[in-house]
PDB file of N, CA and C in Angstrom:
ATOM      1  N   UNK A   1       3.920   8.040   9.273  1.00  0.00           N
ATOM      2  CA  UNK A   1       4.594   6.935   8.605  1.00  0.00           C
ATOM      3  C   UNK A   1       3.841   5.651   8.759  1.00  0.00           C
ATOM      4  N   UNK A   2       4.427   4.668   8.152  1.00  0.00           N
ATOM      5  CA  UNK A   2       3.842   3.308   8.156  1.00  0.00           C
ATOM      6  C   UNK A   2       4.886   2.354   8.732  1.00  0.00           C
ATOM      7  N   UNK A   3       4.418   1.535   9.668  1.00  0.00           N
ATOM      8  CA  UNK A   3       5.368   0.633  10.333  1.00  0.00           C
ATOM      9  C   UNK A   3       5.679  -0.540   9.432  1.00  0.00           C
ATOM     10  N   UNK A   4       6.754  -1.223   9.790  1.00  0.00           N
ATOM     11  CA  UNK A   4       7.104  -2.437   9.053  1.00  0.00           C
ATOM     12  C   UNK A   4       6.042  -3.522   9.143  1.00  0.00           C
ATOM     13  N   UNK A   5       5.431  -3.582  10.325  1.00  0.00           N
ATOM     14  CA  UNK A   5       4.344  -4.568  10.563  1.00  0.00           C
ATOM     15  C   UNK A   5       3.160  -4.273   9.601  1.00  0.00           C
ATOM     16  N   UNK A   6       2.847  -3.011   9.405  1.00  0.00           N
ATOM     17  CA  UNK A   6       1.750  -2.623   8.517  1.00  0.00           C
ATOM     18  C   UNK A   6       2.154  -3.014   7.098  1.00  0.00           C
ATOM     19  N   UNK A   7       3.358  -2.755   6.635  1.00  0.00           N
ATOM     20  CA  UNK A   7       3.737  -3.122   5.304  1.00  0.00           C
ATOM     21  C   UNK A   7       3.656  -4.640   5.140  1.00  0.00           C
ATOM     22  N   UNK A   8       4.084  -5.360   6.105  1.00  0.00           N
ATOM     23  CA  UNK A   8       4.066  -6.841   6.048  1.00  0.00           C
ATOM     24  C   UNK A   8       2.604  -7.276   5.934  1.00  0.00           C
ATOM     25  N   UNK A   9       1.683  -6.700   6.677  1.00  0.00           N
ATOM     26  CA  UNK A   9       0.262  -7.080   6.618  1.00  0.00           C
ATOM     27  C   UNK A   9      -0.319  -6.723   5.299  1.00  0.00           C
ATOM     28  N   UNK A  10       0.038  -5.577   4.696  1.00  0.00           N
ATOM     29  CA  UNK A  10      -0.427  -5.216   3.363  1.00  0.00           C
ATOM     30  C   UNK A  10       0.058  -6.224   2.326  1.00  0.00           C
ATOM     31  N   UNK A  11       1.315  -6.591   2.417  1.00  0.00           N
ATOM     32  CA  UNK A  11       1.891  -7.520   1.452  1.00  0.00           C
ATOM     33  C   UNK A  11       1.215  -8.917   1.610  1.00  0.00           C
ATOM     34  N   UNK A  12       0.841  -9.285   2.824  1.00  0.00           N
ATOM     35  CA  UNK A  12       0.190 -10.567   3.057  1.00  0.00           C
ATOM     36  C   UNK A  12      -1.294 -10.553   2.710  1.00  0.00           C
ATOM     37  N   UNK A  13      -1.790  -9.390   2.367  1.00  0.00           N
ATOM     38  CA  UNK A  13      -3.247  -9.266   2.074  1.00  0.00           C
ATOM     39  C   UNK A  13      -4.121  -9.292   3.281  1.00  0.00           C
ATOM     40  N   UNK A  14      -3.522  -9.009   4.451  1.00  0.00           N
ATOM     41  CA  UNK A  14      -4.257  -9.044   5.679  1.00  0.00           C
ATOM     42  C   UNK A  14      -4.768  -7.643   6.159  1.00  0.00           C
ATOM     43  N   UNK A  15      -4.330  -6.621   5.415  1.00  0.00           N
ATOM     44  CA  UNK A  15      -4.683  -5.250   5.764  1.00  0.00           C
ATOM     45  C   UNK A  15      -4.783  -4.406   4.516  1.00  0.00           C
ATOM     46  N   UNK A  16      -5.796  -3.573   4.418  1.00  0.00           N
ATOM     47  CA  UNK A  16      -5.939  -2.637   3.308  1.00  0.00           C
ATOM     48  C   UNK A  16      -5.631  -1.242   3.842  1.00  0.00           C
ATOM     49  N   UNK A  17      -4.634  -0.614   3.250  1.00  0.00           N
ATOM     50  CA  UNK A  17      -4.262   0.725   3.717  1.00  0.00           C
ATOM     51  C   UNK A  17      -5.351   1.754   3.390  1.00  0.00           C
ATOM     52  N   UNK A  18      -5.278   2.864   4.095  1.00  0.00           N
ATOM     53  CA  UNK A  18      -6.184   3.969   3.784  1.00  0.00           C
ATOM     54  C   UNK A  18      -5.762   4.486   2.418  1.00  0.00           C
ATOM     55  N   UNK A  19      -6.611   5.253   1.776  1.00  0.00           N
ATOM     56  CA  UNK A  19      -6.271   5.833   0.476  1.00  0.00           C
ATOM     57  C   UNK A  19      -5.105   6.703   0.556  1.00  0.00           C
ATOM     58  N   UNK A  20      -4.989   7.472   1.606  1.00  0.00           N
ATOM     59  CA  UNK A  20      -3.846   8.357   1.808  1.00  0.00           C
ATOM     60  C   UNK A  20      -2.571   7.567   1.954  1.00  0.00           C
ATOM     61  N   UNK A  21      -2.576   6.516   2.750  1.00  0.00           N
ATOM     62  CA  UNK A  21      -1.363   5.663   2.886  1.00  0.00           C
ATOM     63  C   UNK A  21      -1.017   4.999   1.575  1.00  0.00           C
ATOM     64  N   UNK A  22      -2.009   4.534   0.857  1.00  0.00           N
ATOM     65  CA  UNK A  22      -1.717   3.892  -0.439  1.00  0.00           C
ATOM     66  C   UNK A  22      -1.008   4.865  -1.395  1.00  0.00           C
ATOM     67  N   UNK A  23      -1.488   6.096  -1.460  1.00  0.00           N
ATOM     68  CA  UNK A  23      -0.866   7.090  -2.347  1.00  0.00           C
ATOM     69  C   UNK A  23       0.551   7.378  -1.865  1.00  0.00           C
ATOM     70  N   UNK A  24       0.747   7.464  -0.584  1.00  0.00           N
ATOM     71  CA  UNK A  24       2.082   7.748  -0.058  1.00  0.00           C
ATOM     72  C   UNK A  24       3.067   6.619  -0.352  1.00  0.00           C
ATOM     73  N   UNK A  25       2.595   5.385  -0.167  1.00  0.00           N
ATOM     74  CA  UNK A  25       3.465   4.252  -0.459  1.00  0.00           C
ATOM     75  C   UNK A  25       3.813   4.208  -1.948  1.00  0.00           C
ATOM     76  N   UNK A  26       2.832   4.468  -2.815  1.00  0.00           N
ATOM     77  CA  UNK A  26       3.141   4.487  -4.276  1.00  0.00           C
ATOM     78  C   UNK A  26       4.103   5.600  -4.586  1.00  0.00           C
ATOM     79  N   UNK A  27       3.959   6.764  -3.920  1.00  0.00           N
ATOM     80  CA  UNK A  27       4.876   7.862  -4.136  1.00  0.00           C
ATOM     81  C   UNK A  27       6.308   7.513  -3.751  1.00  0.00           C
ATOM     82  N   UNK A  28       6.486   6.828  -2.656  1.00  0.00           N
ATOM     83  CA  UNK A  28       7.820   6.423  -2.183  1.00  0.00           C
ATOM     84  C   UNK A  28       8.492   5.555  -3.256  1.00  0.00           C
ATOM     85  N   UNK A  29       7.730   4.661  -3.892  1.00  0.00           N
ATOM     86  CA  UNK A  29       8.274   3.800  -4.951  1.00  0.00           C
ATOM     87  C   UNK A  29       8.366   4.470  -6.303  1.00  0.00           C
ATOM     88  N   UNK A  30       7.800   5.701  -6.405  1.00  0.00           N
ATOM     89  CA  UNK A  30       7.835   6.433  -7.688  1.00  0.00           C
ATOM     90  C   UNK A  30       6.979   5.732  -8.739  1.00  0.00           C
ATOM     91  N   UNK A  31       5.926   5.106  -8.343  1.00  0.00           N
ATOM     92  CA  UNK A  31       5.049   4.367  -9.261  1.00  0.00           C
ATOM     93  C   UNK A  31       3.644   4.882  -9.135  1.00  0.00           C
ATOM     94  N   UNK A  32       2.837   4.742 -10.222  1.00  0.00           N
ATOM     95  CA  UNK A  32       1.425   5.062 -10.104  1.00  0.00           C
ATOM     96  C   UNK A  32       0.741   4.131  -9.107  1.00  0.00           C
ATOM     97  N   UNK A  33      -0.314   4.628  -8.522  1.00  0.00           N
ATOM     98  CA  UNK A  33      -1.039   3.810  -7.507  1.00  0.00           C
ATOM     99  C   UNK A  33      -1.457   2.469  -8.021  1.00  0.00           C
ATOM    100  N   UNK A  34      -1.949   2.406  -9.273  1.00  0.00           N
ATOM    101  CA  UNK A  34      -2.424   1.113  -9.781  1.00  0.00           C
ATOM    102  C   UNK A  34      -1.325   0.172 -10.127  1.00  0.00           C
ATOM    103  N   UNK A  35      -0.077   0.609 -10.140  1.00  0.00           N
ATOM    104  CA  UNK A  35       1.107  -0.311 -10.337  1.00  0.00           C
ATOM    105  C   UNK A  35       1.454  -0.973  -8.980  1.00  0.00           C
ATOM    106  N   UNK A  36       1.173  -0.226  -7.888  1.00  0.00           N
ATOM    107  CA  UNK A  36       1.550  -0.733  -6.564  1.00  0.00           C
ATOM    108  C   UNK A  36       0.444  -1.568  -5.930  1.00  0.00           C
ATOM    109  N   UNK A  37      -0.779  -1.106  -6.151  1.00  0.00           N
ATOM    110  CA  UNK A  37      -1.963  -1.744  -5.533  1.00  0.00           C
ATOM    111  C   UNK A  37      -2.947  -2.123  -6.631  1.00  0.00           C
ATOM    112  N   UNK A  38      -3.554  -3.298  -6.480  1.00  0.00           N
ATOM    113  CA  UNK A  38      -4.583  -3.759  -7.397  1.00  0.00           C
ATOM    114  C   UNK A  38      -5.825  -4.156  -6.607  1.00  0.00           C
ATOM    115  N   UNK A  39      -6.944  -3.763  -7.153  1.00  0.00           N
ATOM    116  CA  UNK A  39      -8.251  -4.091  -6.499  1.00  0.00           C
ATOM    117  C   UNK A  39      -8.631  -5.508  -6.808  1.00  0.00           C
ATOM    118  N   UNK A  40      -8.925  -6.278  -5.783  1.00  0.00           N
ATOM    119  CA  UNK A  40      -9.377  -7.650  -5.925  1.00  0.00           C
ATOM    120  C   UNK A  40     -10.720  -7.776  -5.163  1.00  0.00           C
ATOM    121  N   UNK A  41     -11.809  -7.353  -5.810  1.00  0.00           N
ATOM    122  CA  UNK A  41     -13.071  -7.305  -5.122  1.00  0.00           C
ATOM    123  C   UNK A  41     -13.898  -8.537  -5.360  1.00  0.00           C
TER     124      UNK A  41
END
């Protein structure tokens, strides 16, 4: 699982989840990965 602290860090842009975690988070929301996460390189 992912802790609340990790989610807060992701939302704040202070942490990039692993690809596996990103897919799981998108799955929880029932959204495609690119709707939940956007690349800002």
